[in-house]
C-alpha atoms as a PDB file:
ATOM      1  CA  MET A   1      -3.482  73.708  33.518  1.00  0.00           C
ATOM      2  CA  GLY A   2      -5.413  81.481  33.709  1.00  0.00           C
ATOM      3  CA  GLU A   3      -4.090  78.113  35.954  1.00  0.00           C
ATOM      4  CA  LEU A   4      -1.367  75.416  35.156  1.00  0.00           C
ATOM      5  CA  VAL A   5      -1.774  71.451  35.535  1.00  0.00           C
ATOM      6  CA  GLY A   6      -0.066  66.987  43.216  1.00  0.00           C
ATOM      7  CA  LEU A   7     -10.176  56.990  55.577  1.00  0.00           C
ATOM      8  CA  VAL A   8     -11.105  55.358  58.203  1.00  0.00           C
ATOM      9  CA  GLU A   9     -11.975  57.902  60.766  1.00  0.00           C
ATOM     10  CA  ARG A  10      -8.541  58.704  61.888  1.00  0.00           C
ATOM     11  CA  ALA A  11      -7.995  55.073  62.779  1.00  0.00           C
ATOM     12  CA  PRO A  12      -4.516  53.629  62.078  1.00  0.00           C
ATOM     13  CA  LEU A  13      -3.845  53.251  58.370  1.00  0.00           C
ATOM     14  CA  SER A  14      -4.264  49.798  56.935  1.00  0.00           C
ATOM     15  CA  ASP A  15      -1.226  48.172  55.339  1.00  0.00           C
ATOM     16  CA  TRP A  16      -3.082  48.271  52.014  1.00  0.00           C
ATOM     17  CA  VAL A  17      -3.594  52.037  52.146  1.00  0.00           C
ATOM     18  CA  LYS A  18       0.056  52.609  53.077  1.00  0.00           C
ATOM     19  CA  GLU A  19       1.390  50.353  50.353  1.00  0.00           C
ATOM     20  CA  ARG A  20      -0.981  51.658  47.710  1.00  0.00           C
ATOM     21  CA  ALA A  21      -0.246  55.333  48.291  1.00  0.00           C
ATOM     22  CA  VAL A  22       3.517  54.871  48.403  1.00  0.00           C
ATOM     23  CA  ARG A  23       3.675  52.522  45.402  1.00  0.00           C
ATOM     24  CA  ALA A  24       1.451  54.759  43.303  1.00  0.00           C
ATOM     25  CA  PHE A  25       3.659  57.757  43.910  1.00  0.00           C
ATOM     26  CA  ARG A  26       6.683  55.807  42.782  1.00  0.00           C
ATOM     27  CA  LEU A  27       5.041  54.524  39.632  1.00  0.00           C
ATOM     28  CA  LEU A  28       2.995  57.529  38.575  1.00  0.00           C
ATOM     29  CA  GLY A  29       3.995  61.117  37.966  1.00  0.00           C
ATOM     30  CA  GLU A  30       3.280  62.300  41.524  1.00  0.00           C
ATOM     31  CA  ALA A  31       2.178  65.772  40.480  1.00  0.00           C
ATOM     32  CA  GLU A  32       0.399  66.901  37.367  1.00  0.00           C
ATOM     33  CA  GLY A  33       0.233  70.566  36.453  1.00  0.00           C
ATOM     34  CA  ARG A  34      -2.495  72.394  34.587  1.00  0.00           C
ATOM     35  CA  VAL A  35      -1.748  75.637  32.842  1.00  0.00           C
ATOM     36  CA  HIS A  36      -5.183  77.109  32.274  1.00  0.00           C
ATOM     37  CA  GLY A  37      -5.079  80.390  30.422  1.00  0.00           C
ATOM     38  CA  VAL A  38      -1.483  80.051  29.250  1.00  0.00           C
ATOM     39  CA  ALA A  39      -0.595  81.635  25.899  1.00  0.00           C
ATOM     40  CA  PRO A  40       1.435  79.657  23.318  1.00  0.00           C
ATOM     41  CA  GLU A  41       4.305  82.155  23.331  1.00  0.00           C
ATOM     42  CA  LYS A  42       4.771  81.674  27.091  1.00  0.00           C
ATOM     43  CA  VAL A  43       4.063  77.978  27.504  1.00  0.00           C
ATOM     44  CA  VAL A  44       7.596  76.634  26.937  1.00  0.00           C
ATOM     45  CA  ALA A  45       9.211  78.946  29.499  1.00  0.00           C
ATOM     46  CA  ILE A  46       6.576  78.003  32.064  1.00  0.00           C
ATOM     47  CA  ALA A  47       6.864  74.311  31.259  1.00  0.00           C
ATOM     48  CA  ASP A  48      10.651  74.465  31.669  1.00  0.00           C
ATOM     49  CA  VAL A  49      10.223  75.887  35.173  1.00  0.00           C
ATOM     50  CA  LEU A  50       7.761  73.165  36.106  1.00  0.00           C
ATOM     51  CA  TYR A  51       9.940  70.451  34.623  1.00  0.00           C
ATOM     52  CA  ASP A  52      12.996  71.646  36.553  1.00  0.00           C
ATOM     53  CA  ALA A  53      10.904  71.590  39.739  1.00  0.00           C
ATOM     54  CA  GLY A  54      10.071  67.915  39.164  1.00  0.00           C
ATOM     55  CA  ILE A  55       6.646  67.972  37.519  1.00  0.00           C
ATOM     56  CA  ARG A  56       6.435  65.402  34.746  1.00  0.00           C
ATOM     57  CA  LYS A  57       2.825  65.675  33.560  1.00  0.00           C
ATOM     58  CA  LEU A  58       1.420  68.844  32.090  1.00  0.00           C
ATOM     59  CA  GLU A  59      -2.010  69.567  30.670  1.00  0.00           C
ATOM     60  CA  VAL A  60      -3.145  72.603  28.729  1.00  0.00           C
ATOM     61  CA  PRO A  61      -6.906  73.032  29.220  1.00  0.00           C
ATOM     62  CA  LEU A  62      -8.747  73.461  25.961  1.00  0.00           C
ATOM     63  CA  ASN A  63     -10.439  76.640  27.201  1.00  0.00           C
ATOM     64  CA  SER A  64      -7.019  78.342  27.121  1.00  0.00           C
ATOM     65  CA  PRO A  65      -5.939  80.612  24.228  1.00  0.00           C
ATOM     66  CA  GLU A  66      -4.868  78.509  21.216  1.00  0.00           C
ATOM     67  CA  PRO A  67      -4.450  75.342  23.302  1.00  0.00           C
ATOM     68  CA  PHE A  68      -3.409  73.062  20.447  1.00  0.00           C
ATOM     69  CA  ALA A  69      -0.613  75.458  19.500  1.00  0.00           C
ATOM     70  CA  SER A  70       0.633  75.299  23.093  1.00  0.00           C
ATOM     71  CA  ILE A  71       0.439  71.498  23.115  1.00  0.00           C
ATOM     72  CA  ALA A  72       2.374  71.345  19.830  1.00  0.00           C
ATOM     73  CA  ARG A  73       5.131  73.547  21.258  1.00  0.00           C
ATOM     74  CA  LEU A  74       5.433  71.352  24.330  1.00  0.00           C
ATOM     75  CA  ALA A  75       5.429  68.150  22.303  1.00  0.00           C
ATOM     76  CA  ALA A  76       8.175  69.560  20.065  1.00  0.00           C
ATOM     77  CA  LEU A  77      10.533  69.606  23.057  1.00  0.00           C
ATOM     78  CA  ARG A  78      10.592  65.794  22.795  1.00  0.00           C
ATOM     79  CA  ARG A  79      11.414  65.099  26.418  1.00  0.00           C
ATOM     80  CA  THR A  80      11.242  61.368  26.952  1.00  0.00           C
ATOM     81  CA  ASP A  81      10.435  61.486  30.664  1.00  0.00           C
ATOM     82  CA  TRP A  82       7.358  63.697  30.687  1.00  0.00           C
ATOM     83  CA  LEU A  83       3.810  63.596  29.386  1.00  0.00           C
ATOM     84  CA  VAL A  84       1.942  66.542  27.888  1.00  0.00           C
ATOM     85  CA  GLY A  85      -1.570  66.880  26.590  1.00  0.00           C
ATOM     86  CA  ALA A  86      -4.940  68.530  27.042  1.00  0.00           C
ATOM     87  CA  GLY A  87      -7.341  69.170  29.875  1.00  0.00           C
ATOM     88  CA  THR A  88     -11.058  69.967  29.770  1.00  0.00           C
ATOM     89  CA  VAL A  89     -11.442  67.446  26.939  1.00  0.00           C
ATOM     90  CA  LEU A  90     -15.169  66.974  26.371  1.00  0.00           C
ATOM     91  CA  ASN A  91     -15.482  65.154  23.050  1.00  0.00           C
ATOM     92  CA  VAL A  92     -13.728  62.689  20.775  1.00  0.00           C
ATOM     93  CA  ASP A  93     -12.882  65.311  18.165  1.00  0.00           C
ATOM     94  CA  ASP A  94     -10.753  67.146  20.729  1.00  0.00           C
ATOM     95  CA  VAL A  95      -9.068  63.866  21.646  1.00  0.00           C
ATOM     96  CA  ARG A  96      -8.029  63.498  18.004  1.00  0.00           C
ATOM     97  CA  ARG A  97      -6.880  67.115  17.763  1.00  0.00           C
ATOM     98  CA  THR A  98      -4.801  66.704  20.914  1.00  0.00           C
ATOM     99  CA  HIS A  99      -3.166  63.596  19.467  1.00  0.00           C
ATOM    100  CA  ALA A 100      -2.507  65.376  16.148  1.00  0.00           C
ATOM    101  CA  ALA A 101      -0.787  68.213  18.033  1.00  0.00           C
ATOM    102  CA  GLY A 102       1.531  65.714  19.701  1.00  0.00           C
ATOM    103  CA  GLY A 103      -0.250  65.438  23.045  1.00  0.00           C
ATOM    104  CA  ARG A 104      -0.481  62.031  24.656  1.00  0.00           C
ATOM    105  CA  LEU A 105      -2.450  62.937  27.791  1.00  0.00           C
ATOM    106  CA  VAL A 106      -6.213  63.517  27.953  1.00  0.00           C
ATOM    107  CA  VAL A 107      -7.798  64.882  31.134  1.00  0.00           C
ATOM    108  CA  SER A 108     -11.520  65.578  31.502  1.00  0.00           C
ATOM    109  CA  PRO A 109     -13.698  67.156  34.198  1.00  0.00           C
ATOM    110  CA  ASN A 110     -16.373  64.520  33.594  1.00  0.00           C
ATOM    111  CA  CYS A 111     -16.785  60.850  32.771  1.00  0.00           C
ATOM    112  CA  ASN A 112     -17.409  60.519  29.025  1.00  0.00           C
ATOM    113  CA  THR A 113     -16.859  56.924  27.970  1.00  0.00           C
ATOM    114  CA  ASP A 114     -16.482  57.913  24.294  1.00  0.00           C
ATOM    115  CA  VAL A 115     -13.598  60.211  25.230  1.00  0.00           C
ATOM    116  CA  ILE A 116     -11.997  57.468  27.329  1.00  0.00           C
ATOM    117  CA  ARG A 117     -12.228  54.849  24.592  1.00  0.00           C
ATOM    118  CA  GLY A 118     -11.145  57.310  21.896  1.00  0.00           C
ATOM    119  CA  ALA A 119      -8.003  58.236  23.826  1.00  0.00           C
ATOM    120  CA  LEU A 120      -7.109  54.636  24.579  1.00  0.00           C
ATOM    121  CA  GLU A 121      -7.565  53.641  20.943  1.00  0.00           C
ATOM    122  CA  LEU A 122      -4.914  56.240  20.060  1.00  0.00           C
ATOM    123  CA  GLY A 123      -2.548  54.936  22.731  1.00  0.00           C
ATOM    124  CA  MET A 124      -2.979  57.981  24.965  1.00  0.00           C
ATOM    125  CA  GLU A 125      -3.101  58.213  28.736  1.00  0.00           C
ATOM    126  CA  VAL A 126      -6.552  59.262  29.893  1.00  0.00           C
ATOM    127  CA  MET A 127      -7.805  60.621  33.199  1.00  0.00           C
ATOM    128  CA  PRO A 128     -11.591  61.160  33.310  1.00  0.00           C
ATOM    129  CA  GLY A 129     -13.243  63.186  36.037  1.00  0.00           C
ATOM    130  CA  ILE A 130     -15.340  61.363  38.614  1.00  0.00           C
ATOM    131  CA  ALA A 131     -17.037  62.116  41.912  1.00  0.00           C
ATOM    132  CA  THR A 132     -19.100  59.024  42.743  1.00  0.00           C
ATOM    133  CA  ALA A 133     -18.549  55.284  42.754  1.00  0.00           C
ATOM    134  CA  THR A 134     -21.007  54.982  39.859  1.00  0.00           C
ATOM    135  CA  GLU A 135     -18.981  57.383  37.720  1.00  0.00           C
ATOM    136  CA  ALA A 136     -15.748  55.697  38.737  1.00  0.00           C
ATOM    137  CA  PHE A 137     -16.927  52.262  37.636  1.00  0.00           C
ATOM    138  CA  HIS A 138     -18.317  53.619  34.355  1.00  0.00           C
ATOM    139  CA  ALA A 139     -14.845  55.030  33.667  1.00  0.00           C
ATOM    140  CA  ILE A 140     -13.132  51.794  34.681  1.00  0.00           C
ATOM    141  CA  ASP A 141     -15.470  49.741  32.500  1.00  0.00           C
ATOM    142  CA  ALA A 142     -14.447  51.958  29.563  1.00  0.00           C
ATOM    143  CA  GLY A 143     -10.779  51.192  30.255  1.00  0.00           C
ATOM    144  CA  ALA A 144      -9.581  54.044  32.490  1.00  0.00           C
ATOM    145  CA  LYS A 145      -6.856  53.222  35.016  1.00  0.00           C
ATOM    146  CA  GLN A 146      -6.433  56.723  36.412  1.00  0.00           C
ATOM    147  CA  LEU A 147      -9.313  58.806  37.733  1.00  0.00           C
ATOM    148  CA  LYS A 148      -9.520  62.504  38.508  1.00  0.00           C
ATOM    149  CA  LEU A 149     -11.532  63.206  41.667  1.00  0.00           C
ATOM    150  CA  PHE A 150     -12.994  66.592  40.844  1.00  0.00           C
ATOM    151  CA  PRO A 151     -13.521  68.989  42.419  1.00  0.00           C
ATOM    152  CA  ALA A 152     -11.554  67.463  45.273  1.00  0.00           C
ATOM    153  CA  VAL A 153     -12.184  70.307  47.692  1.00  0.00           C
ATOM    154  CA  THR A 154     -15.922  69.572  47.587  1.00  0.00           C
ATOM    155  CA  TYR A 155     -15.512  65.970  48.740  1.00  0.00           C
ATOM    156  CA  GLY A 156     -12.441  65.716  50.941  1.00  0.00           C
ATOM    157  CA  PRO A 157     -10.109  62.840  51.899  1.00  0.00           C
ATOM    158  CA  ARG A 158     -12.755  60.773  53.681  1.00  0.00           C
ATOM    159  CA  HIS A 159     -14.754  60.580  50.463  1.00  0.00           C
ATOM    160  CA  LEU A 160     -11.676  59.254  48.691  1.00  0.00           C
ATOM    161  CA  GLU A 161     -11.066  56.742  51.444  1.00  0.00           C
ATOM    162  CA  ALA A 162     -14.584  55.389  51.037  1.00  0.00           C
ATOM    163  CA  LEU A 163     -14.114  55.115  47.260  1.00  0.00           C
ATOM    164  CA  ARG A 164     -10.765  53.377  47.663  1.00  0.00           C
ATOM    165  CA  ALA A 165     -12.466  50.649  49.696  1.00  0.00           C
ATOM    166  CA  VAL A 166     -14.374  49.489  46.614  1.00  0.00           C
ATOM    167  CA  LEU A 167     -12.159  50.468  43.671  1.00  0.00           C
ATOM    168  CA  PRO A 168      -9.683  48.014  42.099  1.00  0.00           C
ATOM    169  CA  THR A 169      -6.182  48.309  43.513  1.00  0.00           C
ATOM    170  CA  ASP A 170      -4.670  48.944  40.083  1.00  0.00           C
ATOM    171  CA  VAL A 171      -6.777  52.098  39.564  1.00  0.00           C
ATOM    172  CA  GLY A 172      -5.274  55.363  40.809  1.00  0.00           C
ATOM    173  CA  VAL A 173      -7.313  58.336  42.000  1.00  0.00           C
ATOM    174  CA  PHE A 174      -5.900  61.861  41.654  1.00  0.00           C
ATOM    175  CA  PRO A 175      -7.532  64.661  43.681  1.00  0.00           C
ATOM    176  CA  VAL A 176      -7.769  67.845  41.592  1.00  0.00           C
ATOM    177  CA  GLY A 177      -9.276  71.196  42.483  1.00  0.00           C
ATOM    178  CA  GLY A 178      -8.516  73.123  45.637  1.00  0.00           C
ATOM    179  CA  VAL A 179      -5.648  70.933  46.848  1.00  0.00           C
ATOM    180  CA  GLY A 180      -2.828  72.962  48.407  1.00  0.00           C
ATOM    181  CA  ALA A 181       0.456  71.973  50.003  1.00  0.00           C
ATOM    182  CA  GLN A 182      -1.183  71.843  53.430  1.00  0.00           C
ATOM    183  CA  ASP A 183      -3.677  69.223  52.202  1.00  0.00           C
ATOM    184  CA  ILE A 184      -1.291  66.742  50.605  1.00  0.00           C
ATOM    185  CA  ALA A 185      -0.534  64.539  53.615  1.00  0.00           C
ATOM    186  CA  GLY A 186      -4.204  63.997  54.423  1.00  0.00           C
ATOM    187  CA  TRP A 187      -5.041  63.045  50.851  1.00  0.00           C
ATOM    188  CA  LEU A 188      -2.072  60.681  50.656  1.00  0.00           C
ATOM    189  CA  SER A 189      -3.174  58.934  53.817  1.00  0.00           C
ATOM    190  CA  ALA A 190      -6.603  58.461  52.259  1.00  0.00           C
ATOM    191  CA  GLY A 191      -5.093  56.678  49.259  1.00  0.00           C
ATOM    192  CA  ALA A 192      -4.420  59.381  46.657  1.00  0.00           C
ATOM    193  CA  ALA A 193      -2.200  58.168  43.826  1.00  0.00           C
ATOM    194  CA  GLY A 194      -1.035  61.660  42.926  1.00  0.00           C
ATOM    195  CA  PHE A 195      -2.390  65.170  42.441  1.00  0.00           C
ATOM    196  CA  GLY A 196      -3.351  67.676  39.793  1.00  0.00           C
ATOM    197  CA  PHE A 197      -2.473  71.274  40.645  1.00  0.00           C
ATOM    198  CA  GLY A 198      -4.060  74.259  38.953  1.00  0.00           C
ATOM    199  CA  SER A 199      -4.217  77.754  40.441  1.00  0.00           C
ATOM    200  CA  GLU A 200      -2.090  76.444  43.317  1.00  0.00           C
ATOM    201  CA  LEU A 201       0.659  76.342  40.703  1.00  0.00           C
ATOM    202  CA  PHE A 202      -0.111  78.759  37.893  1.00  0.00           C
ATOM    203  CA  ARG A 203      -2.117  81.806  36.931  1.00  0.00           C
ATOM    204  CA  PRO A 204      -1.381  84.010  33.902  1.00  0.00           C
ATOM    205  CA  ASN A 205      -0.346  86.890  36.177  1.00  0.00           C
ATOM    206  CA  TYR A 206       2.218  84.824  38.125  1.00  0.00           C
ATOM    207  CA  SER A 207       5.864  85.563  37.365  1.00  0.00           C
ATOM    208  CA  LEU A 208       8.192  82.717  36.428  1.00  0.00           C
ATOM    209  CA  ALA A 209       9.881  83.104  39.803  1.00  0.00           C
ATOM    210  CA  GLU A 210       6.558  82.715  41.619  1.00  0.00           C
ATOM    211  CA  ILE A 211       5.594  79.692  39.523  1.00  0.00           C
ATOM    212  CA  GLU A 212       8.953  78.106  40.305  1.00  0.00           C
ATOM    213  CA  GLN A 213       8.570  78.781  44.032  1.00  0.00           C
ATOM    214  CA  ARG A 214       5.078  77.311  44.081  1.00  0.00           C
ATOM    215  CA  ALA A 215       6.101  74.247  42.076  1.00  0.00           C
ATOM    216  CA  ARG A 216       9.115  73.500  44.244  1.00  0.00           C
ATOM    217  CA  GLN A 217       7.074  73.869  47.421  1.00  0.00           C
ATOM    218  CA  LEU A 218       4.422  71.453  46.168  1.00  0.00           C
ATOM    219  CA  VAL A 219       6.950  68.888  44.978  1.00  0.00           C
ATOM    220  CA  GLN A 220       8.948  69.121  48.200  1.00  0.00           C
ATOM    221  CA  THR A 221       5.799  68.728  50.288  1.00  0.00           C
ATOM    222  CA  LEU A 222       4.861  65.659  48.225  1.00  0.00           C
ATOM    223  CA  GLN A 223       8.263  64.107  48.778  1.00  0.00           C
ATOM    224  CA  GLU A 224       8.196  64.769  52.515  1.00  0.00           C
ATOM    225  CA  ALA A 225       4.659  63.424  52.909  1.00  0.00           C
ATOM    226  CA  ARG A 226       5.576  60.325  50.938  1.00  0.00           C
ATOM    227  CA  SER A 227       8.615  59.704  53.139  1.00  0.00           C
ATOM    228  CA  GLN A 228       6.546  60.062  56.301  1.00  0.00           C
ATOM    229  CA  LEU A 229       3.944  57.636  54.971  1.00  0.00           C
ATOM    230  CA  ASP A 230       6.667  55.182  54.036  1.00  0.00           C
ATOM    231  CA  ARG A 231       8.009  55.178  57.606  1.00  0.00           C
ATOM    232  CA  ARG A 232       4.676  54.321  59.219  1.00  0.00           C
END
């Protein structure tokens, strides 16, 4: 996503929050990986490790070396059960270049309604960055159904819980930025629909074995947290 690309004051969870978090994890990709700083000649080997660990969405940030070459290599694998594309997408031209390279996922750090509409017009999945309710509703009005809460570490689960109280139930919010395995359960309880993992998952100096270990730990923690939430 170098990096790659998963609240009521402690009162009992409402049935809506439980159902929403569990259902979203079943319908969406659970964990999205960002591989910031990855080089094209290494991206397939890294993506294979992440795929085998259970990650089904992968973004290559456009501030990585030759990002469109990396996206094209991933798209050429033609896996039918995963989604690859670009992160740090800031303008419509980069949306088009991502699509031309074979990417079908657009992730942004900000809420740019032109980017959202441009991606949707090309049939792509889009996840704009938001922090406030105002930004969230601007994104929703432009057609977004998945929102990236960024940087998540700045706001915390209670911020998400407050947003979830006013957002439409068919809109998922994905915390991204500073979310580690130890944070997953709290975010899920607050209504997270999934997660984006960056340096928690990948840095250019990580070995393939370390990337695999990190990916499997995150996916396993997600599965365990989901099961616990389902039993409540």
